[in-house]
């Protein structure tokens, strides 16, 4: 099942790899598509990771939510990898269209929440292995990994501040997740 989860999580990346056959990586359109695909994939996988435990708690007989809950690590790491590609695509696209690296854009209000989320996801990805659970102890590790909820809010804010269809998709991804998480808190 672990391999199947990795395969399913890699489908958007495979699509991007196929796109390189029709669009040159020197083309800004390729990086725009990469930016969009990886951004939505990262947000969707993050939401999927975060809804796994609440949905498993509400529907323990569901095989789907049992598997998702057991494979949160793989899905969460995939979310991080797509977030990295999303950020990388942004920089490459901006450098192709403007002719320079867009360091000043890092302070833009839309970008700042994305950077915060990426830093948090980096820390969580680096510490997601069993070695760190033992090294930090379970309670400290779990406390650290609760920072994912800050990343969740930051990604949602990043998408809402972007506006337009991105804000609509952000709402469609994260509002049901927030409802799911709220129901879990009410049930606890």
Protein backbone atom coordinates (compact mmCIF):
# COMPACT_ATOMS: atom_id res chain seq x y z
CA UNK A 1 0.00 0.00 0.00
CA UNK A 2 2.93 2.33 0.73
CA UNK A 3 4.18 2.04 -2.88
CA UNK A 4 0.69 2.71 -4.21
CA UNK A 5 0.46 5.92 -2.15
CA UNK A 6 3.85 7.08 -3.49
CA UNK A 7 2.75 6.27 -7.06
CA UNK A 8 -0.53 8.16 -6.69
CA UNK A 9 1.25 11.14 -5.14
CA UNK A 10 3.72 11.24 -8.04
CA UNK A 11 1.08 11.50 -10.80
CA UNK A 12 1.18 15.34 -10.99
CA UNK A 13 4.98 15.23 -11.14
CA UNK A 14 4.82 12.70 -13.98
CA UNK A 15 2.43 15.03 -15.82
CA UNK A 16 4.98 17.84 -15.45
CA UNK A 17 7.75 15.58 -16.70
CA UNK A 18 5.65 14.79 -19.78
CA UNK A 19 5.08 18.54 -20.27
CA UNK A 20 8.82 19.00 -20.76
CA UNK A 21 8.40 17.08 -24.02
CA UNK A 22 6.11 19.78 -25.43
CA UNK A 23 7.32 22.88 -23.58
CA UNK A 24 10.91 23.84 -23.04
CA UNK A 25 11.98 24.49 -19.42
CA UNK A 26 13.29 27.81 -20.79
CA UNK A 27 9.70 28.79 -21.51
CA UNK A 28 7.87 30.83 -18.84
CA UNK A 29 4.63 28.98 -19.69
CA UNK A 30 6.18 25.69 -18.53
CA UNK A 31 7.05 27.23 -15.16
CA UNK A 32 3.62 28.84 -14.87
CA UNK A 33 2.01 25.42 -15.34
CA UNK A 34 4.46 23.92 -12.86
CA UNK A 35 3.66 26.70 -10.39
CA UNK A 36 -0.08 26.07 -10.65
CA UNK A 37 0.00 22.27 -10.67
CA UNK A 38 2.49 21.97 -7.81
CA UNK A 39 0.79 24.66 -5.73
CA UNK A 40 -2.63 23.06 -5.91
CA UNK A 41 -1.16 19.59 -5.44
CA UNK A 42 0.79 20.71 -2.35
CA UNK A 43 -2.31 22.34 -0.85
CA UNK A 44 -4.52 19.36 -1.67
CA UNK A 45 -2.08 16.83 -0.23
CA UNK A 46 -1.64 18.95 2.90
CA UNK A 47 -5.41 19.02 3.36
CA UNK A 48 -5.62 15.27 2.69
CA UNK A 49 -2.95 14.64 5.33
CA UNK A 50 -4.77 16.79 7.86
CA UNK A 51 -8.21 15.32 7.22
CA UNK A 52 -7.02 11.70 7.49
CA UNK A 53 -7.10 11.46 11.30
CA UNK A 54 -10.40 13.31 11.84
CA UNK A 55 -12.16 11.32 9.12
CA UNK A 56 -10.72 8.06 10.43
CA UNK A 57 -12.06 8.97 13.85
CA UNK A 58 -15.53 9.75 12.43
CA UNK A 59 -15.61 6.78 10.07
CA UNK A 60 -13.38 4.07 11.60
CA UNK A 61 -14.92 1.38 9.41
CA UNK A 62 -13.83 3.19 6.21
CA UNK A 63 -10.88 1.41 4.61
CA UNK A 64 -9.97 4.58 2.66
CA UNK A 65 -9.57 6.73 5.78
CA UNK A 66 -7.76 3.94 7.60
CA UNK A 67 -5.19 3.77 4.80
CA UNK A 68 -4.91 7.56 4.57
CA UNK A 69 -4.37 7.77 8.32
CA UNK A 70 -1.66 5.10 8.16
CA UNK A 71 0.11 6.85 5.25
CA UNK A 72 0.03 10.44 6.49
CA UNK A 73 3.85 10.58 6.47
CA UNK A 74 4.14 9.74 2.77
CA UNK A 75 1.33 12.12 1.81
CA UNK A 76 2.75 14.90 3.98
CA UNK A 77 6.24 14.48 2.52
CA UNK A 78 4.73 14.59 -0.97
CA UNK A 79 2.99 17.83 -0.03
CA UNK A 80 6.34 19.28 1.07
CA UNK A 81 8.07 18.21 -2.15
CA UNK A 82 5.36 19.81 -4.27
CA UNK A 83 5.59 22.98 -2.17
CA UNK A 84 9.33 23.13 -2.85
CA UNK A 85 8.75 22.69 -6.59
CA UNK A 86 6.02 25.35 -6.40
CA UNK A 87 8.42 27.84 -4.79
CA UNK A 88 11.21 26.92 -7.21
CA UNK A 89 8.84 27.35 -10.17
CA UNK A 90 7.86 30.80 -8.91
CA UNK A 91 11.48 31.93 -8.84
CA UNK A 92 12.31 30.48 -12.25
CA UNK A 93 9.17 31.94 -13.86
CA UNK A 94 9.87 35.37 -12.37
CA UNK A 95 13.51 35.28 -13.43
CA UNK A 96 12.55 34.33 -16.99
CA UNK A 97 9.87 37.02 -17.28
CA UNK A 98 11.77 39.82 -15.49
CA UNK A 99 15.34 38.80 -16.28
CA UNK A 100 16.39 38.80 -12.63
CA UNK A 101 15.87 36.77 -9.47
CA UNK A 102 12.88 38.20 -7.61
CA UNK A 103 14.34 38.48 -4.10
CA UNK A 104 12.31 41.61 -3.32
CA UNK A 105 9.12 39.62 -3.94
CA UNK A 106 9.88 37.54 -0.85
CA UNK A 107 8.50 40.40 1.25
CA UNK A 108 5.25 40.62 -0.70
CA UNK A 109 2.19 40.02 1.56
CA UNK A 110 0.99 37.15 -0.66
CA UNK A 111 4.38 35.43 -0.58
CA UNK A 112 5.17 35.76 3.16
CA UNK A 113 2.55 33.22 4.36
CA UNK A 114 3.77 30.81 1.68
CA UNK A 115 7.35 31.18 2.92
CA UNK A 116 6.24 30.59 6.51
CA UNK A 117 4.36 27.45 5.46
CA UNK A 118 7.35 26.22 3.44
CA UNK A 119 9.74 26.69 6.37
CA UNK A 120 7.38 24.83 8.71
CA UNK A 121 6.91 22.02 6.20
CA UNK A 122 10.70 21.81 5.79
CA UNK A 123 11.17 21.36 9.54
CA UNK A 124 8.39 18.78 9.66
CA UNK A 125 9.79 16.91 6.65
CA UNK A 126 13.27 16.79 8.18
CA UNK A 127 11.90 15.47 11.47
CA UNK A 128 9.28 13.10 10.07
CA UNK A 129 11.41 9.99 10.41
CA UNK A 130 11.40 7.44 13.23
CA UNK A 131 14.91 8.52 14.26
CA UNK A 132 13.56 11.95 15.30
CA UNK A 133 10.62 10.46 17.19
CA UNK A 134 13.11 8.54 19.32
CA UNK A 135 15.61 11.41 19.54
CA UNK A 136 13.04 14.05 20.56
CA UNK A 137 10.71 11.70 22.47
CA UNK A 138 7.14 11.21 21.32
CA UNK A 139 5.61 14.14 23.22
CA UNK A 140 8.18 16.71 22.01
CA UNK A 141 8.00 15.35 18.47
CA UNK A 142 4.19 15.51 18.50
CA UNK A 143 4.26 19.06 19.86
CA UNK A 144 6.66 20.08 17.08
CA UNK A 145 4.52 18.45 14.44
CA UNK A 146 1.44 20.32 15.60
CA UNK A 147 3.04 23.29 13.82
CA UNK A 148 1.42 21.80 10.72
CA UNK A 149 -1.74 23.66 11.77
CA UNK A 150 0.16 26.94 11.49
CA UNK A 151 1.31 25.84 8.03
CA UNK A 152 -2.31 25.01 7.17
CA UNK A 153 -3.43 28.52 8.12
CA UNK A 154 -0.47 30.07 6.27
CA UNK A 155 -1.23 28.16 3.06
CA UNK A 156 -4.89 29.12 3.27
CA UNK A 157 -3.92 32.77 3.80
CA UNK A 158 -1.41 32.56 0.94
CA UNK A 159 -4.15 31.34 -1.39
CA UNK A 160 -6.81 33.78 -0.20
CA UNK A 161 -4.47 36.75 -0.55
CA UNK A 162 -3.62 35.64 -4.08
CA UNK A 163 -7.27 36.25 -4.94
CA UNK A 164 -9.34 35.16 -7.92
CA UNK A 165 -9.63 31.48 -8.69
CA UNK A 166 -6.76 30.66 -6.34
CA UNK A 167 -8.78 32.05 -3.41
CA UNK A 168 -11.83 30.07 -4.51
CA UNK A 169 -9.83 26.85 -4.76
CA UNK A 170 -8.18 27.60 -1.42
CA UNK A 171 -11.62 27.95 0.13
CA UNK A 172 -12.81 24.73 -1.53
CA UNK A 173 -9.78 22.89 -0.17
CA UNK A 174 -9.48 24.32 3.33
CA UNK A 175 -12.98 25.24 4.51
CA UNK A 176 -14.17 21.58 4.40
CA UNK A 177 -10.94 20.65 6.18
CA UNK A 178 -11.61 23.22 8.90
CA UNK A 179 -15.15 21.87 9.32
CA UNK A 180 -13.78 18.33 9.55
CA UNK A 181 -11.22 19.39 12.16
CA UNK A 182 -13.87 21.30 14.13
CA UNK A 183 -16.13 18.22 14.19
CA UNK A 184 -13.21 16.21 15.54
CA UNK A 185 -12.71 18.72 18.35
CA UNK A 186 -16.41 18.63 19.20
CA UNK A 187 -16.36 14.84 19.31
CA UNK A 188 -13.22 14.60 21.48
